[in-house]
Amino acid sequence: MSYEIKLPLFKGPFDLLLFFIERDELDIMDIPISQITNDFLDYVSDLEKMNIEVASEFIVVAATLMRIKSRMLLPRLTVDDDGNEIDPRDELVEHLMEYKKYKSVIDDFSKLEDDRQSKTSRGNLFSEINVISERAKVETELQDVDLYKLLVVFQNALDKYHIEKNKPKHEIYRYPYTISEQKKFLINLIKSKSKISFIKLIEKNPLKILVIFNFLAILELIQESKVKLSIGQGLNNFWITDLS
């Protein structure tokens, strides 16, 4: 017996982010970026599983969320010209606040439009029916049609077809790695060897995406005070030591 899962479709990525914030009653000025990122990626992944094409703006925002999450895990703080700490979430919050403001205005306009469409202007009913019937006459419309106009319409149709056909397509691939799994792997590896060099860790599997996942896992372990780093020999090398 099969069952069908229906996902709500949102107008854009910021619409989806606002939904998560309102659903979980989060503070828009202090967004838990890890939670929002996971919810956002899960939604995009579910769209992919249902063979729904993911718009490019969703992919851009997903990448932005990952970048913000990575910056927040880094121990080094970013400061402005006055020495004040810069929150990596500031730009995202600014965009969300701006989108929320315009969204509320659009909702008001939409209600006005629905209200206006539900009303009809008073006038001569028979005269209006005659005007509509005159516009609907196919013979009247075809009087001004010539071969050149038909060719122009045909060319426009072909151009639109080629544009739609050649639109770039974006695909999201889910890699068989997670930060939580890499954290467990690193803890077990460090406990068995007391410490490990980051270069040696890369040499075990130099796959670029795995190196990124391992690096993010190390940052989270440092934040959780489970490991510490010490400078090693070689360019950009360091030792990872267990603290648990």
Foldseek 3Di string as FASTA:
>chain_A
DDDDDDDDDDPADLRVLVCVCVVVVHDLVDDPLVVSLVVLVVVVVVCVVVVHADDVRSVVVNVLSVVLLLVVLDPDFDADPVRHTDRSCVVVSVVSVVVVVVVVVVVVVVVVVVVVVVDDDDDDPVVVVVVVVVVPDPVVVCVPDDPVVVVVVVVVVVVVVVCVVPDDGDDDDDDPDALVVLLVVVLVVCVVVQKDKLVVVCVVPVDPVVNVSNVSSLSVCVVVVQWDWDDDDDPPMIMIGGDD
